[in-house]
Amino acid sequence: QLVESGGGLVQPGGSLRLSCAASG
C-alpha cells in the first residue's frame, strides 16, 4: 500500500515536497 501526501496549490517558482509511505 502506498499513501501519498504533500500536494497543494503553489505559485510559479515555488516548491513542494511530496511524500509516499509504503506498507505491507
mmCIF file of all heavy atoms, coordinates in Angstrom:
data_MODEL
# 
_entry.id   MODEL 
# 
loop_
_atom_site.group_PDB 
_atom_site.id 
_atom_site.type_symbol 
_atom_site.label_atom_id 
_atom_site.label_alt_id 
_atom_site.label_comp_id 
_atom_site.label_asym_id 
_atom_site.label_entity_id 
_atom_site.label_seq_id 
_atom_site.pdbx_PDB_ins_code 
_atom_site.Cartn_x 
_atom_site.Cartn_y 
_atom_site.Cartn_z 
_atom_site.occupancy 
_atom_site.B_iso_or_equiv 
_atom_site.pdbx_formal_charge 
_atom_site.auth_seq_id 
_atom_site.auth_comp_id 
_atom_site.auth_asym_id 
_atom_site.auth_atom_id 
_atom_site.pdbx_PDB_model_num 
ATOM 1   N N   . GLN A 1 1  ? 0.839  -1.188 0.000   1.00 0.00 ? 1  GLN A N   1 
ATOM 2   C CA  . GLN A 1 1  ? 0.000  0.000  0.000   1.00 0.00 ? 1  GLN A CA  1 
ATOM 3   C C   . GLN A 1 1  ? 0.874  1.238  0.000   1.00 0.00 ? 1  GLN A C   1 
ATOM 4   O O   . GLN A 1 1  ? 1.894  1.286  0.693   1.00 0.00 ? 1  GLN A O   1 
ATOM 5   C CB  . GLN A 1 1  ? -0.932 0.022  1.203   1.00 0.00 ? 1  GLN A CB  1 
ATOM 6   C CG  . GLN A 1 1  ? -2.052 -1.004 1.130   1.00 0.00 ? 1  GLN A CG  1 
ATOM 7   C CD  . GLN A 1 1  ? -3.085 -0.811 2.211   1.00 0.00 ? 1  GLN A CD  1 
ATOM 8   O OE1 . GLN A 1 1  ? -2.740 -0.575 3.365   1.00 0.00 ? 1  GLN A OE1 1 
ATOM 9   N NE2 . GLN A 1 1  ? -4.353 -0.905 1.842   1.00 0.00 ? 1  GLN A NE2 1 
ATOM 10  N N   . LEU A 1 2  ? 0.466  2.226  -0.776  1.00 0.00 ? 2  LEU A N   1 
ATOM 11  C CA  . LEU A 1 2  ? 1.190  3.477  -0.893  1.00 0.00 ? 2  LEU A CA  1 
ATOM 12  C C   . LEU A 1 2  ? 0.261  4.616  -0.509  1.00 0.00 ? 2  LEU A C   1 
ATOM 13  O O   . LEU A 1 2  ? -0.837 4.728  -1.055  1.00 0.00 ? 2  LEU A O   1 
ATOM 14  C CB  . LEU A 1 2  ? 1.695  3.686  -2.321  1.00 0.00 ? 2  LEU A CB  1 
ATOM 15  C CG  . LEU A 1 2  ? 2.564  2.567  -2.897  1.00 0.00 ? 2  LEU A CG  1 
ATOM 16  C CD1 . LEU A 1 2  ? 2.839  2.821  -4.373  1.00 0.00 ? 2  LEU A CD1 1 
ATOM 17  C CD2 . LEU A 1 2  ? 3.873  2.456  -2.121  1.00 0.00 ? 2  LEU A CD2 1 
ATOM 18  N N   . VAL A 1 3  ? 0.708  5.445  0.407   1.00 0.00 ? 3  VAL A N   1 
ATOM 19  C CA  . VAL A 1 3  ? -0.075 6.578  0.884   1.00 0.00 ? 3  VAL A CA  1 
ATOM 20  C C   . VAL A 1 3  ? 0.726  7.843  0.648   1.00 0.00 ? 3  VAL A C   1 
ATOM 21  O O   . VAL A 1 3  ? 1.845  7.976  1.139   1.00 0.00 ? 3  VAL A O   1 
ATOM 22  C CB  . VAL A 1 3  ? -0.439 6.440  2.368   1.00 0.00 ? 3  VAL A CB  1 
ATOM 23  C CG1 . VAL A 1 3  ? -1.251 7.644  2.824   1.00 0.00 ? 3  VAL A CG1 1 
ATOM 24  C CG2 . VAL A 1 3  ? -1.224 5.158  2.597   1.00 0.00 ? 3  VAL A CG2 1 
ATOM 25  N N   . GLU A 1 4  ? 0.138  8.779  -0.095  1.00 0.00 ? 4  GLU A N   1 
ATOM 26  C CA  . GLU A 1 4  ? 0.812  9.987  -0.508  1.00 0.00 ? 4  GLU A CA  1 
ATOM 27  C C   . GLU A 1 4  ? 0.314  11.190 0.275   1.00 0.00 ? 4  GLU A C   1 
ATOM 28  O O   . GLU A 1 4  ? -0.812 11.211 0.761   1.00 0.00 ? 4  GLU A O   1 
ATOM 29  C CB  . GLU A 1 4  ? 0.586  10.239 -1.999  1.00 0.00 ? 4  GLU A CB  1 
ATOM 30  C CG  . GLU A 1 4  ? 0.957  9.069  -2.878  1.00 0.00 ? 4  GLU A CG  1 
ATOM 31  C CD  . GLU A 1 4  ? 0.345  9.161  -4.257  1.00 0.00 ? 4  GLU A CD  1 
ATOM 32  O OE1 . GLU A 1 4  ? -0.095 10.257 -4.644  1.00 0.00 ? 4  GLU A OE1 1 
ATOM 33  O OE2 . GLU A 1 4  ? 0.298  8.127  -4.941  1.00 0.00 ? 4  GLU A OE2 1 
ATOM 34  N N   . SER A 1 5  ? 1.159  12.197 0.329   1.00 0.00 ? 5  SER A N   1 
ATOM 35  C CA  . SER A 1 5  ? 0.784  13.462 0.936   1.00 0.00 ? 5  SER A CA  1 
ATOM 36  C C   . SER A 1 5  ? 1.691  14.553 0.387   1.00 0.00 ? 5  SER A C   1 
ATOM 37  O O   . SER A 1 5  ? 2.724  14.270 -0.212  1.00 0.00 ? 5  SER A O   1 
ATOM 38  C CB  . SER A 1 5  ? 0.881  13.414 2.463   1.00 0.00 ? 5  SER A CB  1 
ATOM 39  O OG  . SER A 1 5  ? 2.208  13.148 2.885   1.00 0.00 ? 5  SER A OG  1 
ATOM 40  N N   . GLY A 1 6  ? 1.302  15.792 0.596   1.00 0.00 ? 6  GLY A N   1 
ATOM 41  C CA  . GLY A 1 6  ? 2.149  16.925 0.274   1.00 0.00 ? 6  GLY A CA  1 
ATOM 42  C C   . GLY A 1 6  ? 1.709  17.784 -0.884  1.00 0.00 ? 6  GLY A C   1 
ATOM 43  O O   . GLY A 1 6  ? 2.309  18.835 -1.136  1.00 0.00 ? 6  GLY A O   1 
ATOM 44  N N   . GLY A 1 7  ? 0.685  17.381 -1.602  1.00 0.00 ? 7  GLY A N   1 
ATOM 45  C CA  . GLY A 1 7  ? 0.215  18.187 -2.713  1.00 0.00 ? 7  GLY A CA  1 
ATOM 46  C C   . GLY A 1 7  ? -0.473 19.447 -2.237  1.00 0.00 ? 7  GLY A C   1 
ATOM 47  O O   . GLY A 1 7  ? -0.779 19.619 -1.060  1.00 0.00 ? 7  GLY A O   1 
ATOM 48  N N   . GLY A 1 8  ? -0.700 20.344 -3.176  1.00 0.00 ? 8  GLY A N   1 
ATOM 49  C CA  . GLY A 1 8  ? -1.368 21.579 -2.844  1.00 0.00 ? 8  GLY A CA  1 
ATOM 50  C C   . GLY A 1 8  ? -1.247 22.599 -3.942  1.00 0.00 ? 8  GLY A C   1 
ATOM 51  O O   . GLY A 1 8  ? -0.858 22.291 -5.072  1.00 0.00 ? 8  GLY A O   1 
ATOM 52  N N   . LEU A 1 9  ? -1.594 23.821 -3.594  1.00 0.00 ? 9  LEU A N   1 
ATOM 53  C CA  . LEU A 1 9  ? -1.537 24.953 -4.511  1.00 0.00 ? 9  LEU A CA  1 
ATOM 54  C C   . LEU A 1 9  ? -0.290 25.772 -4.219  1.00 0.00 ? 9  LEU A C   1 
ATOM 55  O O   . LEU A 1 9  ? -0.027 26.125 -3.062  1.00 0.00 ? 9  LEU A O   1 
ATOM 56  C CB  . LEU A 1 9  ? -2.789 25.824 -4.364  1.00 0.00 ? 9  LEU A CB  1 
ATOM 57  C CG  . LEU A 1 9  ? -2.835 27.126 -5.152  1.00 0.00 ? 9  LEU A CG  1 
ATOM 58  C CD1 . LEU A 1 9  ? -2.855 26.845 -6.649  1.00 0.00 ? 9  LEU A CD1 1 
ATOM 59  C CD2 . LEU A 1 9  ? -4.041 27.947 -4.735  1.00 0.00 ? 9  LEU A CD2 1 
ATOM 60  N N   . VAL A 1 10 ? 0.461  26.065 -5.260  1.00 0.00 ? 10 VAL A N   1 
ATOM 61  C CA  . VAL A 1 10 ? 1.689  26.824 -5.103  1.00 0.00 ? 10 VAL A CA  1 
ATOM 62  C C   . VAL A 1 10 ? 1.848  27.768 -6.289  1.00 0.00 ? 10 VAL A C   1 
ATOM 63  O O   . VAL A 1 10 ? 1.386  27.471 -7.397  1.00 0.00 ? 10 VAL A O   1 
ATOM 64  C CB  . VAL A 1 10 ? 2.906  25.883 -4.971  1.00 0.00 ? 10 VAL A CB  1 
ATOM 65  C CG1 . VAL A 1 10 ? 3.127  25.091 -6.256  1.00 0.00 ? 10 VAL A CG1 1 
ATOM 66  C CG2 . VAL A 1 10 ? 4.155  26.649 -4.579  1.00 0.00 ? 10 VAL A CG2 1 
ATOM 67  N N   . GLN A 1 11 ? 2.482  28.894 -6.054  1.00 0.00 ? 11 GLN A N   1 
ATOM 68  C CA  . GLN A 1 11 ? 2.735  29.850 -7.127  1.00 0.00 ? 11 GLN A CA  1 
ATOM 69  C C   . GLN A 1 11 ? 3.903  29.407 -7.992  1.00 0.00 ? 11 GLN A C   1 
ATOM 70  O O   . GLN A 1 11 ? 4.776  28.652 -7.540  1.00 0.00 ? 11 GLN A O   1 
ATOM 71  C CB  . GLN A 1 11 ? 3.029  31.236 -6.546  1.00 0.00 ? 11 GLN A CB  1 
ATOM 72  C CG  . GLN A 1 11 ? 1.829  31.911 -5.914  1.00 0.00 ? 11 GLN A CG  1 
ATOM 73  C CD  . GLN A 1 11 ? 2.136  33.330 -5.495  1.00 0.00 ? 11 GLN A CD  1 
ATOM 74  O OE1 . GLN A 1 11 ? 3.190  33.603 -4.924  1.00 0.00 ? 11 GLN A OE1 1 
ATOM 75  N NE2 . GLN A 1 11 ? 1.224  34.241 -5.789  1.00 0.00 ? 11 GLN A NE2 1 
ATOM 76  N N   . PRO A 1 12 ? 3.928  29.841 -9.244  1.00 0.00 ? 12 PRO A N   1 
ATOM 77  C CA  . PRO A 1 12 ? 5.090  29.541 -10.077 1.00 0.00 ? 12 PRO A CA  1 
ATOM 78  C C   . PRO A 1 12 ? 6.389  29.976 -9.403  1.00 0.00 ? 12 PRO A C   1 
ATOM 79  O O   . PRO A 1 12 ? 6.471  31.045 -8.809  1.00 0.00 ? 12 PRO A O   1 
ATOM 80  C CB  . PRO A 1 12 ? 4.835  30.343 -11.355 1.00 0.00 ? 12 PRO A CB  1 
ATOM 81  C CG  . PRO A 1 12 ? 3.346  30.464 -11.415 1.00 0.00 ? 12 PRO A CG  1 
ATOM 82  C CD  . PRO A 1 12 ? 2.896  30.583 -9.979  1.00 0.00 ? 12 PRO A CD  1 
ATOM 83  N N   . GLY A 1 13 ? 7.389  29.117 -9.505  1.00 0.00 ? 13 GLY A N   1 
ATOM 84  C CA  . GLY A 1 13 ? 8.659  29.358 -8.843  1.00 0.00 ? 13 GLY A CA  1 
ATOM 85  C C   . GLY A 1 13 ? 8.744  28.802 -7.446  1.00 0.00 ? 13 GLY A C   1 
ATOM 86  O O   . GLY A 1 13 ? 9.839  28.761 -6.864  1.00 0.00 ? 13 GLY A O   1 
ATOM 87  N N   . GLY A 1 14 ? 7.629  28.367 -6.903  1.00 0.00 ? 14 GLY A N   1 
ATOM 88  C CA  . GLY A 1 14 ? 7.602  27.825 -5.561  1.00 0.00 ? 14 GLY A CA  1 
ATOM 89  C C   . GLY A 1 14 ? 8.032  26.377 -5.504  1.00 0.00 ? 14 GLY A C   1 
ATOM 90  O O   . GLY A 1 14 ? 8.428  25.779 -6.505  1.00 0.00 ? 14 GLY A O   1 
ATOM 91  N N   . SER A 1 15 ? 7.927  25.812 -4.307  1.00 0.00 ? 15 SER A N   1 
ATOM 92  C CA  . SER A 1 15 ? 8.383  24.453 -4.059  1.00 0.00 ? 15 SER A CA  1 
ATOM 93  C C   . SER A 1 15 ? 7.346  23.668 -3.276  1.00 0.00 ? 15 SER A C   1 
ATOM 94  O O   . SER A 1 15 ? 6.562  24.225 -2.497  1.00 0.00 ? 15 SER A O   1 
ATOM 95  C CB  . SER A 1 15 ? 9.699  24.458 -3.267  1.00 0.00 ? 15 SER A CB  1 
ATOM 96  O OG  . SER A 1 15 ? 10.733 25.116 -3.969  1.00 0.00 ? 15 SER A OG  1 
ATOM 97  N N   . LEU A 1 16 ? 7.353  22.377 -3.498  1.00 0.00 ? 16 LEU A N   1 
ATOM 98  C CA  . LEU A 1 16 ? 6.559  21.433 -2.735  1.00 0.00 ? 16 LEU A CA  1 
ATOM 99  C C   . LEU A 1 16 ? 7.362  20.163 -2.550  1.00 0.00 ? 16 LEU A C   1 
ATOM 100 O O   . LEU A 1 16 ? 8.203  19.831 -3.385  1.00 0.00 ? 16 LEU A O   1 
ATOM 101 C CB  . LEU A 1 16 ? 5.247  21.086 -3.437  1.00 0.00 ? 16 LEU A CB  1 
ATOM 102 C CG  . LEU A 1 16 ? 4.096  22.090 -3.395  1.00 0.00 ? 16 LEU A CG  1 
ATOM 103 C CD1 . LEU A 1 16 ? 2.959  21.594 -4.278  1.00 0.00 ? 16 LEU A CD1 1 
ATOM 104 C CD2 . LEU A 1 16 ? 3.615  22.304 -1.971  1.00 0.00 ? 16 LEU A CD2 1 
ATOM 105 N N   . ARG A 1 17 ? 7.069  19.457 -1.476  1.00 0.00 ? 17 ARG A N   1 
ATOM 106 C CA  . ARG A 1 17 ? 7.683  18.163 -1.227  1.00 0.00 ? 17 ARG A CA  1 
ATOM 107 C C   . ARG A 1 17 ? 6.590  17.125 -1.055  1.00 0.00 ? 17 ARG A C   1 
ATOM 108 O O   . ARG A 1 17 ? 5.784  17.211 -0.130  1.00 0.00 ? 17 ARG A O   1 
ATOM 109 C CB  . ARG A 1 17 ? 8.558  18.198 0.021   1.00 0.00 ? 17 ARG A CB  1 
ATOM 110 C CG  . ARG A 1 17 ? 9.413  16.935 0.191   1.00 0.00 ? 17 ARG A CG  1 
ATOM 111 C CD  . ARG A 1 17 ? 10.054 16.883 1.557   1.00 0.00 ? 17 ARG A CD  1 
ATOM 112 N NE  . ARG A 1 17 ? 11.129 15.895 1.618   1.00 0.00 ? 17 ARG A NE  1 
ATOM 113 C CZ  . ARG A 1 17 ? 11.568 15.346 2.735   1.00 0.00 ? 17 ARG A CZ  1 
ATOM 114 N NH1 . ARG A 1 17 ? 11.042 15.690 3.906   1.00 0.00 ? 17 ARG A NH1 1 
ATOM 115 N NH2 . ARG A 1 17 ? 12.561 14.461 2.691   1.00 0.00 ? 17 ARG A NH2 1 
ATOM 116 N N   . LEU A 1 18 ? 6.561  16.163 -1.950  1.00 0.00 ? 18 LEU A N   1 
ATOM 117 C CA  . LEU A 1 18 ? 5.617  15.068 -1.868  1.00 0.00 ? 18 LEU A CA  1 
ATOM 118 C C   . LEU A 1 18 ? 6.235  13.910 -1.110  1.00 0.00 ? 18 LEU A C   1 
ATOM 119 O O   . LEU A 1 18 ? 7.431  13.626 -1.249  1.00 0.00 ? 18 LEU A O   1 
ATOM 120 C CB  . LEU A 1 18 ? 5.199  14.597 -3.260  1.00 0.00 ? 18 LEU A CB  1 
ATOM 121 C CG  . LEU A 1 18 ? 4.632  15.658 -4.205  1.00 0.00 ? 18 LEU A CG  1 
ATOM 122 C CD1 . LEU A 1 18 ? 4.203  15.013 -5.515  1.00 0.00 ? 18 LEU A CD1 1 
ATOM 123 C CD2 . LEU A 1 18 ? 3.477  16.406 -3.564  1.00 0.00 ? 18 LEU A CD2 1 
ATOM 124 N N   . SER A 1 19 ? 5.408  13.232 -0.331  1.00 0.00 ? 19 SER A N   1 
ATOM 125 C CA  . SER A 1 19 ? 5.854  12.086 0.442   1.00 0.00 ? 19 SER A CA  1 
ATOM 126 C C   . SER A 1 19 ? 4.987  10.887 0.127   1.00 0.00 ? 19 SER A C   1 
ATOM 127 O O   . SER A 1 19 ? 3.789  11.024 -0.136  1.00 0.00 ? 19 SER A O   1 
ATOM 128 C CB  . SER A 1 19 ? 5.788  12.374 1.947   1.00 0.00 ? 19 SER A CB  1 
ATOM 129 O OG  . SER A 1 19 ? 6.595  13.469 2.295   1.00 0.00 ? 19 SER A OG  1 
ATOM 130 N N   . CYS A 1 20 ? 5.587  9.722  0.173   1.00 0.00 ? 20 CYS A N   1 
ATOM 131 C CA  . CYS A 1 20 ? 4.871  8.479  -0.064  1.00 0.00 ? 20 CYS A CA  1 
ATOM 132 C C   . CYS A 1 20 ? 5.377  7.442  0.922   1.00 0.00 ? 20 CYS A C   1 
ATOM 133 O O   . CYS A 1 20 ? 6.581  7.166  0.971   1.00 0.00 ? 20 CYS A O   1 
ATOM 134 C CB  . CYS A 1 20 ? 5.077  7.999  -1.499  1.00 0.00 ? 20 CYS A CB  1 
ATOM 135 S SG  . CYS A 1 20 ? 4.348  6.380  -1.856  1.00 0.00 ? 20 CYS A SG  1 
ATOM 136 N N   . ALA A 1 21 ? 4.464  6.883  1.690   1.00 0.00 ? 21 ALA A N   1 
ATOM 137 C CA  . ALA A 1 21 ? 4.796  5.857  2.658   1.00 0.00 ? 21 ALA A CA  1 
ATOM 138 C C   . ALA A 1 21 ? 4.327  4.504  2.144   1.00 0.00 ? 21 ALA A C   1 
ATOM 139 O O   . ALA A 1 21 ? 3.160  4.347  1.774   1.00 0.00 ? 21 ALA A O   1 
ATOM 140 C CB  . ALA A 1 21 ? 4.151  6.159  4.005   1.00 0.00 ? 21 ALA A CB  1 
ATOM 141 N N   . ALA A 1 22 ? 5.229  3.556  2.110   1.00 0.00 ? 22 ALA A N   1 
ATOM 142 C CA  . ALA A 1 22 ? 4.919  2.209  1.671   1.00 0.00 ? 22 ALA A CA  1 
ATOM 143 C C   . ALA A 1 22 ? 4.736  1.303  2.878   1.00 0.00 ? 22 ALA A C   1 
ATOM 144 O O   . ALA A 1 22 ? 5.488  1.379  3.852   1.00 0.00 ? 22 ALA A O   1 
ATOM 145 C CB  . ALA A 1 22 ? 6.022  1.661  0.772   1.00 0.00 ? 22 ALA A CB  1 
ATOM 146 N N   . SER A 1 23 ? 3.748  0.448  2.795   1.00 0.00 ? 23 SER A N   1 
ATOM 147 C CA  . SER A 1 23 ? 3.499  -0.507 3.864   1.00 0.00 ? 23 SER A CA  1 
ATOM 148 C C   . SER A 1 23 ? 3.052  -1.828 3.264   1.00 0.00 ? 23 SER A C   1 
ATOM 149 O O   . SER A 1 23 ? 2.692  -1.911 2.094   1.00 0.00 ? 23 SER A O   1 
ATOM 150 C CB  . SER A 1 23 ? 2.451  0.014  4.850   1.00 0.00 ? 23 SER A CB  1 
ATOM 151 O OG  . SER A 1 23 ? 1.204  0.227  4.205   1.00 0.00 ? 23 SER A OG  1 
ATOM 152 N N   . GLY A 1 24 ? 3.070  -2.848 4.084   1.00 0.00 ? 24 GLY A N   1 
ATOM 153 C CA  . GLY A 1 24 ? 2.722  -4.176 3.632   1.00 0.00 ? 24 GLY A CA  1 
ATOM 154 C C   . GLY A 1 24 ? 3.965  -4.993 3.335   1.00 0.00 ? 24 GLY A C   1 
ATOM 155 O O   . GLY A 1 24 ? 4.985  -4.861 3.999   1.00 0.00 ? 24 GLY A O   1 
# 
